[in-house]
């Protein structure tokens, strides 16, 4: 499934999640293949079609027939970028996995920088954009997502994560049994290693199509990461409850002291109503956070798959 290259170089499995990118796939291949050959490593390219609706699978299927080192996997529907990546990572056959987007914003020519940083004491290398080319709101949502990711990962490198990664394939053994539909590759990698580094790479403007990650989707993704892989919201709810309880005790002490010293209570219905509203809001917030976790427990009990494969070009037709 690969070309014979320098035996000393680690063999590379390049995983590319594909979604509505029929206009950029061939250009990506034209740039990616020479970049892989320049690295002097045997390689395979795994294109995972994540329920595209624009004919991307036809391009993937054609590329797999034109190149023996290209494998196409067609998912039943759109499961999400990280779910598609998980499918491709599990299908990888070689020692090192490279992940890269299909929109050419990550130049394949920068791959050599990532591989150079993958030393013996490093397990994962991220290609961090020097300057992102998404737009103000998209970049803002991306920063919020990385803050949430840092909370879930517990690693400083979280602020520098990128879809352009190089990782050692054996790391997938740590999450081989992961079956939840909520997937985040970067968090799963922390189950296997703490050895992350990041290198600066160029980041080009998207020339074909539009990004599928809107501001709303990124914020939703951040919430999913925090509630799916971290107990921080529960801890936050506990602290809010503690703060409200302390405030209530102070209010009660004020009323009692005023009554003992002055002989009258604090007048005004508005004051009482505001205190009740404060406590009610805190309780509802805590219940909402707990509800998010209960919903995730329910989702896991259903054992929904992270993805389902419709067809695979590696299988005989």
Foldseek 3Di string as FASTA:
>chain_A
DWDDFDPVAFEEEEEEEDAQPLPQQVVLVVQQVVLVVVSRHIYAYEYEYQAHDNCNVVVLLVVVVVDVRYKYFYFPHHLDDQLSVLVSLVVDDTFKYWFDYRQCQFRSNCVNVQSVPCDPQAFKEAAAEPDADADDLVVVLVQLLLVLVCQLQVAPCSNRHDRGMMGTSVLCVQCVVPFFLLGDPNSSSSSRDRRYYYDYGHGDHGDDDHDPCDSVNSNVNSVCSCLVRHCVLLVVLVVLLVVLVVVVVVQVVVQVVCCVPVVDGDDDPVVVVVNVVSNVVSVVSNVVSVVSNVVSVVSVVVSHGNTHTPDMSVDDD
